[in-house]
Amino acid sequence: MEEIQIITPEELKKKLEEGEKLELVDVREDEEVAQGMIQGAKHIRMGEIPVNLDYFDKDKEYIFICRSSARSGNVCYYLQEQGYKVRNMVGGMLAWPGETE
């Protein structure tokens, strides 16, 4: 299986602070997201990714986020196999040093 590209929470925070436009997708459950999401992230639960494939554009790169980066990693493998550009935020929200909304 091909390696998944990753990004650290610190790298992501820096990019966002520099105003970089990134496609963030949070794949946690509703009750987890209610406790706070990274600003600008889109919420698509892991189980709903397959029915939401039309949301994703193969020309864009998406950064996937979950609580600890296990679920987002699974989503990354799944989408990468289908030709999408993906990156997994390692450590997940447990490691996120920035603010949430």
N, C-alpha and C. Protein backbone atom coordinates (compact mmCIF):
# COMPACT_ATOMS: atom_id res chain seq x y z
N MET A 1 0.84 -1.20 0.00
CA MET A 1 0.00 0.00 0.00
C MET A 1 0.88 1.25 0.00
N GLU A 2 0.52 2.20 -0.80
CA GLU A 2 1.31 3.43 -0.91
C GLU A 2 1.21 4.25 0.37
N GLU A 3 2.34 4.84 0.74
CA GLU A 3 2.37 5.68 1.94
C GLU A 3 1.41 6.86 1.81
N ILE A 4 0.85 7.24 2.94
CA ILE A 4 -0.03 8.40 2.97
C ILE A 4 0.81 9.61 3.36
N GLN A 5 0.62 10.72 2.65
CA GLN A 5 1.28 11.97 3.03
C GLN A 5 0.68 12.45 4.35
N ILE A 6 1.53 13.04 5.18
CA ILE A 6 1.02 13.54 6.46
C ILE A 6 1.33 15.02 6.62
N ILE A 7 0.68 15.62 7.60
CA ILE A 7 1.00 16.99 8.01
C ILE A 7 0.88 17.00 9.53
N THR A 8 1.77 17.70 10.20
CA THR A 8 1.66 17.77 11.65
C THR A 8 0.69 18.88 12.03
N PRO A 9 0.09 18.80 13.22
CA PRO A 9 -0.81 19.87 13.65
C PRO A 9 -0.10 21.23 13.66
N GLU A 10 1.17 21.24 14.02
CA GLU A 10 1.93 22.50 14.07
C GLU A 10 2.10 23.09 12.66
N GLU A 11 2.42 22.21 11.70
CA GLU A 11 2.57 22.67 10.31
C GLU A 11 1.26 23.23 9.79
N LEU A 12 0.17 22.52 10.10
CA LEU A 12 -1.14 22.96 9.63
C LEU A 12 -1.51 24.31 10.24
N LYS A 13 -1.26 24.46 11.53
CA LYS A 13 -1.58 25.71 12.22
C LYS A 13 -0.82 26.87 11.58
N LYS A 14 0.46 26.64 11.28
CA LYS A 14 1.30 27.68 10.67
C LYS A 14 0.77 28.07 9.29
N LYS A 15 0.40 27.08 8.48
CA LYS A 15 -0.13 27.36 7.15
C LYS A 15 -1.41 28.19 7.24
N LEU A 16 -2.28 27.82 8.17
CA LEU A 16 -3.54 28.55 8.32
C LEU A 16 -3.28 29.97 8.79
N GLU A 17 -2.32 30.12 9.71
CA GLU A 17 -1.99 31.46 10.21
C GLU A 17 -1.41 32.33 9.11
N GLU A 18 -0.73 31.70 8.15
CA GLU A 18 -0.15 32.44 7.03
C GLU A 18 -1.19 32.71 5.94
N GLY A 19 -2.42 32.26 6.20
CA GLY A 19 -3.50 32.56 5.26
C GLY A 19 -3.61 31.60 4.09
N GLU A 20 -2.92 30.46 4.19
CA GLU A 20 -3.00 29.49 3.10
C GLU A 20 -4.42 28.91 3.03
N LYS A 21 -4.93 28.76 1.82
CA LYS A 21 -6.27 28.19 1.63
C LYS A 21 -6.13 26.68 1.55
N LEU A 22 -6.67 25.99 2.52
CA LEU A 22 -6.53 24.54 2.57
C LEU A 22 -7.91 23.89 2.64
N GLU A 23 -7.99 22.68 2.11
CA GLU A 23 -9.24 21.92 2.17
C GLU A 23 -9.14 20.96 3.36
N LEU A 24 -9.82 21.32 4.45
CA LEU A 24 -9.78 20.48 5.65
C LEU A 24 -11.09 19.72 5.77
N VAL A 25 -10.99 18.43 6.09
CA VAL A 25 -12.19 17.63 6.28
C VAL A 25 -12.07 16.89 7.61
N ASP A 26 -13.03 17.14 8.49
CA ASP A 26 -13.08 16.50 9.81
C ASP A 26 -14.02 15.31 9.70
N VAL A 27 -13.50 14.11 9.99
CA VAL A 27 -14.31 12.90 9.79
C VAL A 27 -14.84 12.31 11.11
N ARG A 28 -14.80 13.12 12.17
CA ARG A 28 -15.29 12.62 13.47
C ARG A 28 -16.81 12.58 13.50
N GLU A 29 -17.33 12.02 14.58
CA GLU A 29 -18.78 11.95 14.77
C GLU A 29 -19.31 13.30 15.24
N ASP A 30 -20.63 13.47 15.12
CA ASP A 30 -21.27 14.74 15.46
C ASP A 30 -20.93 15.22 16.86
N GLU A 31 -20.99 14.32 17.85
CA GLU A 31 -20.78 14.74 19.24
C GLU A 31 -19.33 15.15 19.48
N GLU A 32 -18.41 14.59 18.71
CA GLU A 32 -17.00 14.99 18.85
C GLU A 32 -16.79 16.39 18.26
N VAL A 33 -17.37 16.60 17.08
CA VAL A 33 -17.23 17.87 16.39
C VAL A 33 -17.87 19.00 17.20
N ALA A 34 -18.92 18.66 17.95
CA ALA A 34 -19.60 19.66 18.77
C ALA A 34 -18.66 20.26 19.81
N GLN A 35 -17.60 19.54 20.15
CA GLN A 35 -16.64 20.03 21.14
C GLN A 35 -15.60 20.96 20.52
N GLY A 36 -15.69 21.16 19.22
CA GLY A 36 -14.78 22.09 18.56
C GLY A 36 -14.10 21.51 17.34
N MET A 37 -14.08 22.33 16.29
CA MET A 37 -13.44 21.95 15.04
C MET A 37 -12.44 23.03 14.66
N ILE A 38 -11.49 22.67 13.81
CA ILE A 38 -10.56 23.67 13.29
C ILE A 38 -11.36 24.58 12.36
N GLN A 39 -11.15 25.88 12.49
CA GLN A 39 -11.90 26.84 11.70
C GLN A 39 -11.74 26.55 10.21
N GLY A 40 -12.88 26.53 9.51
CA GLY A 40 -12.85 26.32 8.07
C GLY A 40 -12.93 24.87 7.64
N ALA A 41 -12.89 23.95 8.60
CA ALA A 41 -12.97 22.53 8.23
C ALA A 41 -14.40 22.17 7.85
N LYS A 42 -14.51 21.23 6.92
CA LYS A 42 -15.83 20.71 6.55
C LYS A 42 -16.03 19.41 7.31
N HIS A 43 -17.22 19.20 7.82
CA HIS A 43 -17.50 17.98 8.57
C HIS A 43 -18.19 16.94 7.69
N ILE A 44 -17.50 15.84 7.44
CA ILE A 44 -18.12 14.70 6.76
C ILE A 44 -17.72 13.47 7.58
N ARG A 45 -18.68 12.86 8.25
CA ARG A 45 -18.36 11.70 9.09
C ARG A 45 -17.71 10.59 8.27
N MET A 46 -16.81 9.86 8.91
CA MET A 46 -16.07 8.81 8.21
C MET A 46 -17.00 7.89 7.43
N GLY A 47 -18.09 7.46 8.05
CA GLY A 47 -19.00 6.53 7.40
C GLY A 47 -19.74 7.11 6.21
N GLU A 48 -19.70 8.44 6.08
CA GLU A 48 -20.41 9.08 4.99
C GLU A 48 -19.51 9.52 3.84
N ILE A 49 -18.20 9.25 3.98
CA ILE A 49 -17.27 9.63 2.92
C ILE A 49 -17.64 8.96 1.58
N PRO A 50 -17.92 7.64 1.57
CA PRO A 50 -18.21 7.00 0.27
C PRO A 50 -19.39 7.62 -0.48
N VAL A 51 -20.42 8.07 0.23
CA VAL A 51 -21.57 8.65 -0.46
C VAL A 51 -21.36 10.13 -0.78
N ASN A 52 -20.25 10.69 -0.30
CA ASN A 52 -19.96 12.10 -0.57
C ASN A 52 -18.78 12.30 -1.52
N LEU A 53 -18.46 11.27 -2.30
CA LEU A 53 -17.29 11.38 -3.18
C LEU A 53 -17.40 12.54 -4.16
N ASP A 54 -18.62 12.92 -4.52
CA ASP A 54 -18.77 14.02 -5.48
C ASP A 54 -18.36 15.37 -4.89
N TYR A 55 -18.19 15.42 -3.58
CA TYR A 55 -17.70 16.66 -2.94
C TYR A 55 -16.22 16.88 -3.29
N PHE A 56 -15.48 15.79 -3.45
CA PHE A 56 -14.04 15.86 -3.63
C PHE A 56 -13.65 16.07 -5.09
N ASP A 57 -12.62 16.89 -5.25
CA ASP A 57 -12.11 17.25 -6.57
C ASP A 57 -10.70 16.65 -6.68
N LYS A 58 -10.45 15.87 -7.71
CA LYS A 58 -9.14 15.22 -7.84
C LYS A 58 -7.99 16.20 -8.06
N ASP A 59 -8.31 17.45 -8.38
CA ASP A 59 -7.25 18.44 -8.58
C ASP A 59 -6.84 19.13 -7.28
N LYS A 60 -7.60 18.91 -6.22
CA LYS A 60 -7.29 19.56 -4.95
C LYS A 60 -6.72 18.55 -3.96
N GLU A 61 -5.98 19.06 -2.98
CA GLU A 61 -5.49 18.18 -1.92
C GLU A 61 -6.34 18.42 -0.68
N TYR A 62 -6.70 17.34 -0.03
CA TYR A 62 -7.54 17.43 1.18
C TYR A 62 -6.75 16.94 2.39
N ILE A 63 -6.92 17.67 3.48
CA ILE A 63 -6.28 17.27 4.74
C ILE A 63 -7.38 16.71 5.63
N PHE A 64 -7.18 15.48 6.09
CA PHE A 64 -8.19 14.81 6.90
C PHE A 64 -7.82 14.81 8.37
N ILE A 65 -8.85 15.00 9.19
CA ILE A 65 -8.67 15.19 10.63
C ILE A 65 -9.66 14.31 11.38
N CYS A 66 -9.19 13.68 12.46
CA CYS A 66 -10.11 13.01 13.39
C CYS A 66 -9.57 13.24 14.80
N ARG A 67 -9.95 12.39 15.73
CA ARG A 67 -9.53 12.62 17.11
C ARG A 67 -8.05 12.31 17.30
N SER A 68 -7.62 11.14 16.80
CA SER A 68 -6.25 10.71 17.05
C SER A 68 -5.45 10.43 15.78
N SER A 69 -6.08 10.55 14.63
CA SER A 69 -5.54 10.34 13.28
C SER A 69 -5.65 8.90 12.77
N ALA A 70 -6.33 8.02 13.50
CA ALA A 70 -6.53 6.64 13.02
C ALA A 70 -7.63 6.59 11.96
N ARG A 71 -8.79 7.16 12.28
CA ARG A 71 -9.89 7.16 11.31
C ARG A 71 -9.55 7.97 10.07
N SER A 72 -8.95 9.14 10.28
CA SER A 72 -8.60 9.97 9.12
C SER A 72 -7.58 9.25 8.24
N GLY A 73 -6.72 8.45 8.87
CA GLY A 73 -5.76 7.65 8.10
C GLY A 73 -6.47 6.64 7.22
N ASN A 74 -7.49 6.00 7.76
CA ASN A 74 -8.27 5.03 6.98
C ASN A 74 -8.94 5.71 5.80
N VAL A 75 -9.51 6.89 6.05
CA VAL A 75 -10.17 7.64 4.99
C VAL A 75 -9.15 8.01 3.91
N CYS A 76 -7.95 8.40 4.33
CA CYS A 76 -6.90 8.76 3.38
C CYS A 76 -6.55 7.58 2.47
N TYR A 77 -6.37 6.39 3.05
CA TYR A 77 -6.07 5.22 2.23
C TYR A 77 -7.17 4.97 1.23
N TYR A 78 -8.40 5.04 1.71
CA TYR A 78 -9.57 4.78 0.87
C TYR A 78 -9.61 5.74 -0.32
N LEU A 79 -9.45 7.04 -0.04
CA LEU A 79 -9.54 8.03 -1.10
C LEU A 79 -8.32 8.01 -2.01
N GLN A 80 -7.16 7.75 -1.44
CA GLN A 80 -5.94 7.73 -2.26
C GLN A 80 -6.03 6.61 -3.29
N GLU A 81 -6.60 5.48 -2.89
CA GLU A 81 -6.78 4.36 -3.81
C GLU A 81 -7.67 4.74 -4.98
N GLN A 82 -8.52 5.73 -4.77
CA GLN A 82 -9.43 6.15 -5.84
C GLN A 82 -8.91 7.36 -6.60
N GLY A 83 -7.66 7.71 -6.33
CA GLY A 83 -7.03 8.75 -7.12
C GLY A 83 -7.11 10.16 -6.58
N TYR A 84 -7.50 10.30 -5.31
CA TYR A 84 -7.59 11.63 -4.71
C TYR A 84 -6.29 11.98 -4.01
N LYS A 85 -6.01 13.29 -3.92
CA LYS A 85 -4.81 13.77 -3.22
C LYS A 85 -5.19 14.02 -1.77
N VAL A 86 -4.54 13.31 -0.88
CA VAL A 86 -4.91 13.39 0.53
C VAL A 86 -3.69 13.55 1.43
N ARG A 87 -3.95 14.04 2.63
CA ARG A 87 -2.91 14.19 3.64
C ARG A 87 -3.60 13.96 4.99
N ASN A 88 -2.92 13.26 5.87
CA ASN A 88 -3.50 12.97 7.18
C ASN A 88 -2.83 13.84 8.24
N MET A 89 -3.65 14.51 9.07
CA MET A 89 -3.07 15.29 10.17
C MET A 89 -2.74 14.33 11.31
N VAL A 90 -1.44 14.09 11.51
CA VAL A 90 -1.00 13.14 12.53
C VAL A 90 -1.31 13.65 13.92
N GLY A 91 -1.72 12.73 14.78
CA GLY A 91 -2.02 13.10 16.16
C GLY A 91 -3.45 13.55 16.37
N GLY A 92 -4.09 13.95 15.26
CA GLY A 92 -5.50 14.34 15.35
C GLY A 92 -5.75 15.54 16.24
N MET A 93 -7.01 15.72 16.59
CA MET A 93 -7.40 16.87 17.41
C MET A 93 -6.79 16.81 18.81
N LEU A 94 -6.41 15.62 19.24
CA LEU A 94 -5.76 15.50 20.56
C LEU A 94 -4.46 16.29 20.58
N ALA A 95 -3.84 16.44 19.41
CA ALA A 95 -2.54 17.12 19.32
C ALA A 95 -2.67 18.54 18.77
N TRP A 96 -3.89 18.97 18.46
CA TRP A 96 -4.08 20.30 17.82
C TRP A 96 -3.75 21.42 18.80
N PRO A 97 -2.75 22.27 18.45
CA PRO A 97 -2.33 23.32 19.37
C PRO A 97 -3.11 24.63 19.20
N GLY A 98 -3.90 24.71 18.15
CA GLY A 98 -4.58 25.95 17.85
C GLY A 98 -5.97 26.05 18.46
N GLU A 99 -6.68 27.07 18.07
CA GLU A 99 -8.03 27.28 18.57
C GLU A 99 -9.02 26.43 17.78
N THR A 100 -10.19 26.26 18.36
CA THR A 100 -11.25 25.56 17.65
C THR A 100 -12.49 26.46 17.69
N GLU A 101 -13.44 26.13 16.83
CA GLU A 101 -14.67 26.92 16.85
C GLU A 101 -15.87 26.02 17.01
